[in-house]
């Protein structure tokens, strides 16, 4: 991270190679749209660069910090969408806005959701449960630990390993 912040040659590429696939996989699961997942990767690295001095290795690993940034950005996007859709709904129908997405869009969305669910089903049960509670249930690691009756470190480890396993499953689907 220090090399990245100092703009040392290759540091950005190393960080990108290490985290971009994981952030993209997380984006696919949360946002259910490949374009939004790609934007999430870019926004995450931009925020990491801008706020890199805030990273404290004593508070957690770089993995956790990067994925937390990505998760927060994804949740923000989902909340903005929800607010926008409520605002549009309260304004009533408009002639220039389509009522529903087209069949092509729905087919792509359905395919992405099915791939994400299938990938989630292939990861080990305890990891799957931890990932679902943390990312889909919007719970903190502490809440996951309490919910599952395990120590905080165990919950964090299950979440981390589950996200890695989910990424591997999603990448395996693409080939």
Protein backbone atom coordinates (compact mmCIF):
# COMPACT_ATOMS: atom_id res chain seq x y z
CA UNK A 1 0.00 0.00 0.00
CA UNK A 2 2.85 2.38 0.81
CA UNK A 3 4.37 1.79 -2.63
CA UNK A 4 0.97 2.42 -4.23
CA UNK A 5 0.58 5.72 -2.39
CA UNK A 6 4.12 6.75 -3.35
CA UNK A 7 3.24 6.02 -7.00
CA UNK A 8 6.08 3.54 -7.28
CA UNK A 9 6.26 1.76 -10.62
CA UNK A 10 4.29 -1.46 -10.70
CA UNK A 11 2.66 -1.00 -7.29
CA UNK A 12 -0.71 -0.04 -8.75
CA UNK A 13 -0.59 -2.96 -11.16
CA UNK A 14 0.28 -5.36 -8.33
CA UNK A 15 -2.62 -4.12 -6.19
CA UNK A 16 -4.96 -4.25 -9.16
CA UNK A 17 -3.93 -7.80 -10.09
CA UNK A 18 -4.41 -8.88 -6.49
CA UNK A 19 -7.75 -7.25 -5.72
CA UNK A 20 -9.62 -6.43 -8.93
CA UNK A 21 -10.97 -9.97 -9.53
CA UNK A 22 -12.18 -10.24 -5.93
CA UNK A 23 -13.82 -6.82 -6.00
CA UNK A 24 -15.41 -7.61 -9.36
CA UNK A 25 -16.83 -10.90 -7.98
CA UNK A 26 -18.20 -9.10 -4.95
CA UNK A 27 -19.72 -6.50 -7.26
CA UNK A 28 -21.42 -9.17 -9.35
CA UNK A 29 -22.96 -10.75 -6.28
CA UNK A 30 -24.13 -7.50 -4.72
CA UNK A 31 -24.97 -5.40 -7.78
CA UNK A 32 -25.95 -8.20 -10.17
CA UNK A 33 -24.64 -6.28 -13.17
CA UNK A 34 -21.23 -6.70 -14.87
CA UNK A 35 -20.97 -3.03 -15.84
CA UNK A 36 -21.70 -1.91 -12.30
CA UNK A 37 -19.19 -4.47 -10.99
CA UNK A 38 -16.52 -3.04 -13.32
CA UNK A 39 -17.34 0.48 -12.13
CA UNK A 40 -17.10 -0.75 -8.55
CA UNK A 41 -13.54 -1.96 -9.18
CA UNK A 42 -12.54 1.42 -10.56
CA UNK A 43 -14.27 3.38 -7.79
CA UNK A 44 -12.72 1.17 -5.12
CA UNK A 45 -9.18 1.77 -6.36
CA UNK A 46 -9.84 5.49 -6.71
CA UNK A 47 -11.10 5.69 -3.14
CA UNK A 48 -8.20 3.55 -1.89
CA UNK A 49 -5.77 5.93 -3.57
CA UNK A 50 -7.49 9.01 -2.18
CA UNK A 51 -7.88 7.65 1.32
CA UNK A 52 -4.85 5.37 1.43
CA UNK A 53 -3.29 7.30 4.29
CA UNK A 54 -6.28 6.21 6.41
CA UNK A 55 -5.28 2.54 6.09
CA UNK A 56 -3.95 1.24 9.41
CA UNK A 57 -2.46 -2.28 9.29
CA UNK A 58 -2.95 -2.56 13.06
CA UNK A 59 -6.73 -2.39 12.57
CA UNK A 60 -6.94 -5.08 9.89
CA UNK A 61 -5.46 -6.57 6.76
CA UNK A 62 -5.25 -4.76 3.44
CA UNK A 63 -7.58 -7.45 2.05
CA UNK A 64 -10.26 -6.55 4.55
CA UNK A 65 -9.78 -2.82 4.02
CA UNK A 66 -10.06 -3.04 0.23
CA UNK A 67 -13.12 -5.32 0.31
CA UNK A 68 -14.76 -3.13 2.93
CA UNK A 69 -14.33 -0.10 0.66
CA UNK A 70 -15.86 -2.06 -2.22
CA UNK A 71 -18.75 -3.31 -0.11
CA UNK A 72 -19.48 0.18 1.21
CA UNK A 73 -19.46 1.65 -2.29
CA UNK A 74 -21.77 -1.10 -3.55
CA UNK A 75 -24.22 -0.56 -0.70
CA UNK A 76 -24.17 3.19 -1.35
CA UNK A 77 -25.01 2.54 -5.00
CA UNK A 78 -27.86 0.20 -4.07
CA UNK A 79 -29.26 2.79 -1.66
CA UNK A 80 -29.06 5.53 -4.30
CA UNK A 81 -30.89 3.29 -6.75
CA UNK A 82 -33.57 2.54 -4.20
CA UNK A 83 -34.03 6.23 -3.48
CA UNK A 84 -34.15 7.06 -7.19
CA UNK A 85 -36.70 4.34 -7.89
CA UNK A 86 -38.89 5.55 -5.02
CA UNK A 87 -38.60 9.11 -6.29
CA UNK A 88 -39.54 8.07 -9.82
CA UNK A 89 -42.42 5.99 -8.50
CA UNK A 90 -43.77 8.92 -6.52
CA UNK A 91 -43.61 11.18 -9.59
CA UNK A 92 -45.86 8.81 -11.48
CA UNK A 93 -45.45 7.36 -14.96
CA UNK A 94 -43.56 9.38 -17.56
CA UNK A 95 -43.72 8.95 -21.28
CA UNK A 96 -39.94 9.15 -21.74
CA UNK A 97 -39.12 6.35 -19.26
CA UNK A 98 -39.78 2.70 -20.08
CA UNK A 99 -42.02 0.97 -17.54
CA UNK A 100 -40.00 -2.23 -17.42
CA UNK A 101 -36.61 -3.43 -18.61
CA UNK A 102 -36.58 -5.24 -21.93
CA UNK A 103 -36.44 -9.02 -22.26
CA UNK A 104 -32.75 -8.96 -23.21
CA UNK A 105 -31.85 -7.06 -20.04
CA UNK A 106 -33.96 -9.39 -17.91
CA UNK A 107 -32.30 -12.45 -19.46
CA UNK A 108 -28.81 -11.11 -18.74
CA UNK A 109 -29.79 -10.22 -15.17
CA UNK A 110 -31.35 -13.64 -14.61
CA UNK A 111 -28.21 -15.34 -15.92
CA UNK A 112 -25.98 -13.32 -13.60
CA UNK A 113 -28.15 -14.04 -10.59
CA UNK A 114 -28.19 -17.77 -11.41
CA UNK A 115 -24.39 -17.84 -11.82
CA UNK A 116 -23.90 -16.02 -8.52
CA UNK A 117 -26.31 -18.34 -6.69
CA UNK A 118 -24.70 -21.43 -8.21
CA UNK A 119 -21.25 -20.17 -7.23
CA UNK A 120 -22.48 -19.42 -3.71
CA UNK A 121 -23.94 -22.93 -3.44
CA UNK A 122 -20.54 -24.44 -4.26
CA UNK A 123 -18.62 -22.87 -1.39
CA UNK A 124 -18.39 -24.70 1.97
CA UNK A 125 -21.43 -24.38 4.22
CA UNK A 126 -19.93 -22.40 7.10
CA UNK A 127 -18.22 -20.01 4.71
CA UNK A 128 -21.39 -19.65 2.64
CA UNK A 129 -23.40 -18.85 5.75
CA UNK A 130 -20.86 -16.25 6.89
CA UNK A 131 -20.72 -14.59 3.45
CA UNK A 132 -24.51 -14.52 3.17
CA UNK A 133 -24.87 -13.01 6.63
CA UNK A 134 -22.15 -10.42 6.05
CA UNK A 135 -22.79 -9.32 2.49
CA UNK A 136 -26.38 -10.22 1.73
CA UNK A 137 -27.61 -9.74 5.28
CA UNK A 138 -25.61 -6.49 5.67
CA UNK A 139 -24.14 -7.61 8.99
CA UNK A 140 -20.79 -6.71 10.51
CA UNK A 141 -18.21 -9.36 11.36
CA UNK A 142 -19.14 -8.97 15.02
CA UNK A 143 -22.80 -9.57 14.23
CA UNK A 144 -21.92 -12.63 12.14
CA UNK A 145 -19.83 -13.98 15.03
CA UNK A 146 -22.68 -13.49 17.49
CA UNK A 147 -25.25 -14.94 15.09
CA UNK A 148 -23.17 -18.06 14.46
CA UNK A 149 -21.88 -18.36 18.03
CA UNK A 150 -18.21 -18.28 17.06
CA UNK A 151 -15.28 -16.02 18.01
CA UNK A 152 -14.84 -12.83 15.98
CA UNK A 153 -11.62 -14.08 14.38
CA UNK A 154 -13.37 -17.24 13.21
CA UNK A 155 -16.21 -15.24 11.68
CA UNK A 156 -13.76 -12.94 9.89
CA UNK A 157 -11.80 -15.92 8.61
CA UNK A 158 -14.94 -17.65 7.32
CA UNK A 159 -16.07 -14.48 5.57
CA UNK A 160 -12.65 -13.94 3.99
CA UNK A 161 -12.26 -17.56 2.90
CA UNK A 162 -15.85 -17.61 1.67
CA UNK A 163 -15.30 -14.54 -0.52
CA UNK A 164 -12.14 -16.14 -1.93
CA UNK A 165 -14.01 -19.38 -2.64
CA UNK A 166 -16.87 -17.44 -4.23
CA UNK A 167 -14.41 -15.63 -6.46
CA UNK A 168 -12.80 -18.90 -7.54
CA UNK A 169 -16.24 -20.37 -8.30
CA UNK A 170 -17.25 -17.32 -10.37
CA UNK A 171 -13.97 -17.35 -12.28
CA UNK A 172 -14.37 -21.08 -12.93
CA UNK A 173 -17.83 -20.38 -14.40
CA UNK A 174 -16.38 -17.88 -16.86
CA UNK A 175 -14.06 -20.47 -18.43
